[in-house]
Amino acid sequence: MPMKNEPPRLLAILELGGYPNLTPVYRQLGFAAEVVTSQRKALAYLKKRLPDVIVAEYNFQSDFRDRTSNLETLMAALQRHPEVKVIVFYQPEHVPKLQGLEARFPVFRTIPFPVSQELVEQALQDALGGV
């Protein structure tokens, strides 16, 4: 968590994309934003520092043997840090699978595709209320 006078930290995990570049929004709201392009890089980031907010895509993958999406490993790693707020972008057709993830791990906010910049801003402002 940030020290006094440090901006809140945001980790954006951009794997598939399909939505506008939100980095200017993150910075406009006062976040020190870091963007990574894989879950592996996100987990490496978490070993060095803990963000206040994580923005990630939910990608359902039926071919995983022991998980249903790209987020299980990340969410399991965050279980010791419930103060980190996770905002998830998802495809509407994956709601039932996403609900399974939400039943096991705390997700701060979910935003459906097509991702609306306004919804992202509101979710981030709400997350800042608790930072």
C-alpha atoms as a PDB file:
ATOM      1  CA  MET A   1       0.000   0.000   0.000  1.00  0.00           C
ATOM      2  CA  PRO A   2       1.278   3.497  -0.712  1.00  0.00           C
ATOM      3  CA  MET A   3       3.098   5.531   1.886  1.00  0.00           C
ATOM      4  CA  LYS A   4       1.932   9.024   2.655  1.00  0.00           C
ATOM      5  CA  ASN A   5       2.249  11.335  -0.363  1.00  0.00           C
ATOM      6  CA  GLU A   6       2.625   8.356  -2.711  1.00  0.00           C
ATOM      7  CA  PRO A   7      -0.004   7.883  -5.404  1.00  0.00           C
ATOM      8  CA  PRO A   8      -2.115   4.734  -5.216  1.00  0.00           C
ATOM      9  CA  ARG A   9      -0.738   1.897  -7.350  1.00  0.00           C
ATOM     10  CA  LEU A  10      -2.669   0.182 -10.103  1.00  0.00           C
ATOM     11  CA  LEU A  11      -1.663  -2.959 -11.964  1.00  0.00           C
ATOM     12  CA  ALA A  12      -3.401  -3.447 -15.309  1.00  0.00           C
ATOM     13  CA  ILE A  13      -3.175  -6.910 -16.853  1.00  0.00           C
ATOM     14  CA  LEU A  14      -3.790  -6.557 -20.581  1.00  0.00           C
ATOM     15  CA  GLU A  15      -3.864 -10.020 -22.150  1.00  0.00           C
ATOM     16  CA  LEU A  16      -6.389  -9.964 -24.991  1.00  0.00           C
ATOM     17  CA  GLY A  17      -7.524  -6.336 -25.021  1.00  0.00           C
ATOM     18  CA  GLY A  18     -10.435  -5.339 -27.182  1.00  0.00           C
ATOM     19  CA  TYR A  19     -11.084  -2.121 -25.299  1.00  0.00           C
ATOM     20  CA  PRO A  20      -9.626   1.404 -25.340  1.00  0.00           C
ATOM     21  CA  ASN A  21      -6.248   2.181 -23.809  1.00  0.00           C
ATOM     22  CA  LEU A  22      -7.196   3.083 -20.248  1.00  0.00           C
ATOM     23  CA  THR A  23      -3.743   4.133 -19.039  1.00  0.00           C
ATOM     24  CA  PRO A  24      -4.575   7.862 -19.439  1.00  0.00           C
ATOM     25  CA  VAL A  25      -7.697   7.321 -17.290  1.00  0.00           C
ATOM     26  CA  TYR A  26      -5.648   5.567 -14.611  1.00  0.00           C
ATOM     27  CA  ARG A  27      -3.130   8.411 -14.536  1.00  0.00           C
ATOM     28  CA  GLN A  28      -5.809  11.124 -14.668  1.00  0.00           C
ATOM     29  CA  LEU A  29      -7.317   9.618 -11.504  1.00  0.00           C
ATOM     30  CA  GLY A  30      -3.928   9.800  -9.792  1.00  0.00           C
ATOM     31  CA  PHE A  31      -2.764   6.199 -10.027  1.00  0.00           C
ATOM     32  CA  ALA A  32       0.813   5.154 -10.567  1.00  0.00           C
ATOM     33  CA  ALA A  33      -0.131   2.634 -13.255  1.00  0.00           C
ATOM     34  CA  GLU A  34       1.851  -0.364 -14.443  1.00  0.00           C
ATOM     35  CA  VAL A  35       0.676  -2.440 -17.412  1.00  0.00           C
ATOM     36  CA  VAL A  36       1.722  -6.062 -17.927  1.00  0.00           C
ATOM     37  CA  THR A  37       0.713  -8.403 -20.730  1.00  0.00           C
ATOM     38  CA  SER A  38       0.452 -11.779 -18.986  1.00  0.00           C
ATOM     39  CA  GLN A  39      -0.568 -13.403 -15.725  1.00  0.00           C
ATOM     40  CA  ARG A  40       3.021 -14.588 -15.312  1.00  0.00           C
ATOM     41  CA  LYS A  41       4.269 -10.985 -15.417  1.00  0.00           C
ATOM     42  CA  ALA A  42       1.505  -9.933 -13.025  1.00  0.00           C
ATOM     43  CA  LEU A  43       2.554 -12.575 -10.499  1.00  0.00           C
ATOM     44  CA  ALA A  44       6.176 -11.429 -10.803  1.00  0.00           C
ATOM     45  CA  TYR A  45       5.027  -7.841 -10.168  1.00  0.00           C
ATOM     46  CA  LEU A  46       3.159  -8.956  -7.035  1.00  0.00           C
ATOM     47  CA  LYS A  47       6.346 -10.480  -5.627  1.00  0.00           C
ATOM     48  CA  LYS A  48       7.966  -7.016  -5.708  1.00  0.00           C
ATOM     49  CA  ARG A  49       5.099  -4.700  -4.780  1.00  0.00           C
ATOM     50  CA  LEU A  50       1.459  -4.747  -3.883  1.00  0.00           C
ATOM     51  CA  PRO A  51      -0.935  -2.557  -5.875  1.00  0.00           C
ATOM     52  CA  ASP A  52      -4.036  -0.946  -4.422  1.00  0.00           C
ATOM     53  CA  VAL A  53      -6.092  -1.908  -7.471  1.00  0.00           C
ATOM     54  CA  ILE A  54      -5.758  -4.563 -10.166  1.00  0.00           C
ATOM     55  CA  VAL A  55      -7.634  -4.305 -13.455  1.00  0.00           C
ATOM     56  CA  ALA A  56      -7.759  -7.607 -15.337  1.00  0.00           C
ATOM     57  CA  GLU A  57      -9.687  -9.471 -18.012  1.00  0.00           C
ATOM     58  CA  TYR A  58     -11.595 -12.641 -17.205  1.00  0.00           C
ATOM     59  CA  ASN A  59     -10.777 -15.137 -19.935  1.00  0.00           C
ATOM     60  CA  PHE A  60     -12.719 -18.388 -19.613  1.00  0.00           C
ATOM     61  CA  GLN A  61     -10.666 -21.337 -20.828  1.00  0.00           C
ATOM     62  CA  SER A  62     -12.269 -24.755 -20.817  1.00  0.00           C
ATOM     63  CA  ASP A  63      -8.994 -26.495 -21.688  1.00  0.00           C
ATOM     64  CA  PHE A  64      -7.393 -25.794 -18.286  1.00  0.00           C
ATOM     65  CA  ARG A  65      -7.223 -28.958 -16.239  1.00  0.00           C
ATOM     66  CA  ASP A  66      -7.388 -27.475 -12.739  1.00  0.00           C
ATOM     67  CA  ARG A  67      -8.933 -24.021 -13.293  1.00  0.00           C
ATOM     68  CA  THR A  68     -11.520 -22.361 -15.492  1.00  0.00           C
ATOM     69  CA  SER A  69      -9.867 -19.060 -16.296  1.00  0.00           C
ATOM     70  CA  ASN A  70      -6.742 -16.988 -16.401  1.00  0.00           C
ATOM     71  CA  LEU A  71      -7.506 -15.402 -12.996  1.00  0.00           C
ATOM     72  CA  GLU A  72      -7.523 -18.279 -10.487  1.00  0.00           C
ATOM     73  CA  THR A  73      -3.786 -18.243  -9.827  1.00  0.00           C
ATOM     74  CA  LEU A  74      -3.731 -14.460  -9.452  1.00  0.00           C
ATOM     75  CA  MET A  75      -6.740 -14.453  -7.137  1.00  0.00           C
ATOM     76  CA  ALA A  76      -5.268 -17.241  -5.023  1.00  0.00           C
ATOM     77  CA  ALA A  77      -2.066 -15.203  -4.644  1.00  0.00           C
ATOM     78  CA  LEU A  78      -4.160 -12.230  -3.491  1.00  0.00           C
ATOM     79  CA  GLN A  79      -6.014 -14.142  -0.768  1.00  0.00           C
ATOM     80  CA  ARG A  80      -3.486 -12.904   1.803  1.00  0.00           C
ATOM     81  CA  HIS A  81      -4.152  -9.311   0.651  1.00  0.00           C
ATOM     82  CA  PRO A  82      -7.915  -8.689   0.799  1.00  0.00           C
ATOM     83  CA  GLU A  83      -7.272  -4.934   0.711  1.00  0.00           C
ATOM     84  CA  VAL A  84      -6.304  -5.142  -2.987  1.00  0.00           C
ATOM     85  CA  LYS A  85      -9.358  -4.294  -5.065  1.00  0.00           C
ATOM     86  CA  VAL A  86      -9.745  -6.338  -8.255  1.00  0.00           C
ATOM     87  CA  ILE A  87     -11.780  -4.980 -11.163  1.00  0.00           C
ATOM     88  CA  VAL A  88     -12.587  -7.580 -13.814  1.00  0.00           C
ATOM     89  CA  PHE A  89     -13.625  -7.099 -17.447  1.00  0.00           C
ATOM     90  CA  TYR A  90     -15.676 -10.004 -18.793  1.00  0.00           C
ATOM     91  CA  GLN A  91     -17.562 -11.293 -21.801  1.00  0.00           C
ATOM     92  CA  PRO A  92     -21.314 -11.429 -20.966  1.00  0.00           C
ATOM     93  CA  GLU A  93     -21.574 -15.037 -22.159  1.00  0.00           C
ATOM     94  CA  HIS A  94     -19.103 -16.049 -19.417  1.00  0.00           C
ATOM     95  CA  VAL A  95     -21.211 -14.750 -16.505  1.00  0.00           C
ATOM     96  CA  PRO A  96     -21.957 -18.234 -15.054  1.00  0.00           C
ATOM     97  CA  LYS A  97     -18.244 -19.117 -14.961  1.00  0.00           C
ATOM     98  CA  LEU A  98     -17.311 -15.679 -13.612  1.00  0.00           C
ATOM     99  CA  GLN A  99     -19.877 -16.120 -10.828  1.00  0.00           C
ATOM    100  CA  GLY A 100     -18.054 -19.305  -9.835  1.00  0.00           C
ATOM    101  CA  LEU A 101     -14.823 -17.331  -9.522  1.00  0.00           C
ATOM    102  CA  GLU A 102     -16.602 -14.621  -7.521  1.00  0.00           C
ATOM    103  CA  ALA A 103     -17.988 -17.257  -5.154  1.00  0.00           C
ATOM    104  CA  ARG A 104     -14.418 -18.320  -4.319  1.00  0.00           C
ATOM    105  CA  PHE A 105     -12.537 -15.016  -4.432  1.00  0.00           C
ATOM    106  CA  PRO A 106     -13.408 -11.391  -3.630  1.00  0.00           C
ATOM    107  CA  VAL A 107     -13.878  -9.329  -6.790  1.00  0.00           C
ATOM    108  CA  PHE A 108     -14.432  -5.615  -6.183  1.00  0.00           C
ATOM    109  CA  ARG A 109     -16.261  -4.840  -9.435  1.00  0.00           C
ATOM    110  CA  THR A 110     -17.057  -6.525 -12.744  1.00  0.00           C
ATOM    111  CA  ILE A 111     -17.469  -4.624 -16.016  1.00  0.00           C
ATOM    112  CA  PRO A 112     -18.882  -6.293 -19.137  1.00  0.00           C
ATOM    113  CA  PHE A 113     -17.523  -5.961 -22.654  1.00  0.00           C
ATOM    114  CA  PRO A 114     -17.741  -3.651 -24.476  1.00  0.00           C
ATOM    115  CA  VAL A 115     -15.822  -1.899 -21.709  1.00  0.00           C
ATOM    116  CA  SER A 116     -17.102   1.581 -20.968  1.00  0.00           C
ATOM    117  CA  GLN A 117     -14.535   4.176 -19.905  1.00  0.00           C
ATOM    118  CA  GLU A 118     -17.207   5.758 -17.687  1.00  0.00           C
ATOM    119  CA  LEU A 119     -17.812   2.490 -15.800  1.00  0.00           C
ATOM    120  CA  VAL A 120     -14.064   2.021 -15.352  1.00  0.00           C
ATOM    121  CA  GLU A 121     -13.694   5.566 -14.008  1.00  0.00           C
ATOM    122  CA  GLN A 122     -16.571   5.027 -11.568  1.00  0.00           C
ATOM    123  CA  ALA A 123     -15.153   1.715 -10.361  1.00  0.00           C
ATOM    124  CA  LEU A 124     -11.732   3.282  -9.844  1.00  0.00           C
ATOM    125  CA  GLN A 125     -13.187   6.257  -7.996  1.00  0.00           C
ATOM    126  CA  ASP A 126     -15.112   3.849  -5.758  1.00  0.00           C
ATOM    127  CA  ALA A 127     -11.923   1.864  -5.190  1.00  0.00           C
ATOM    128  CA  LEU A 128     -10.073   5.069  -4.244  1.00  0.00           C
ATOM    129  CA  GLY A 129     -12.704   5.710  -1.614  1.00  0.00           C
ATOM    130  CA  GLY A 130     -11.288   2.778   0.307  1.00  0.00           C
ATOM    131  CA  VAL A 131      -7.586   3.397  -0.438  1.00  0.00           C
END
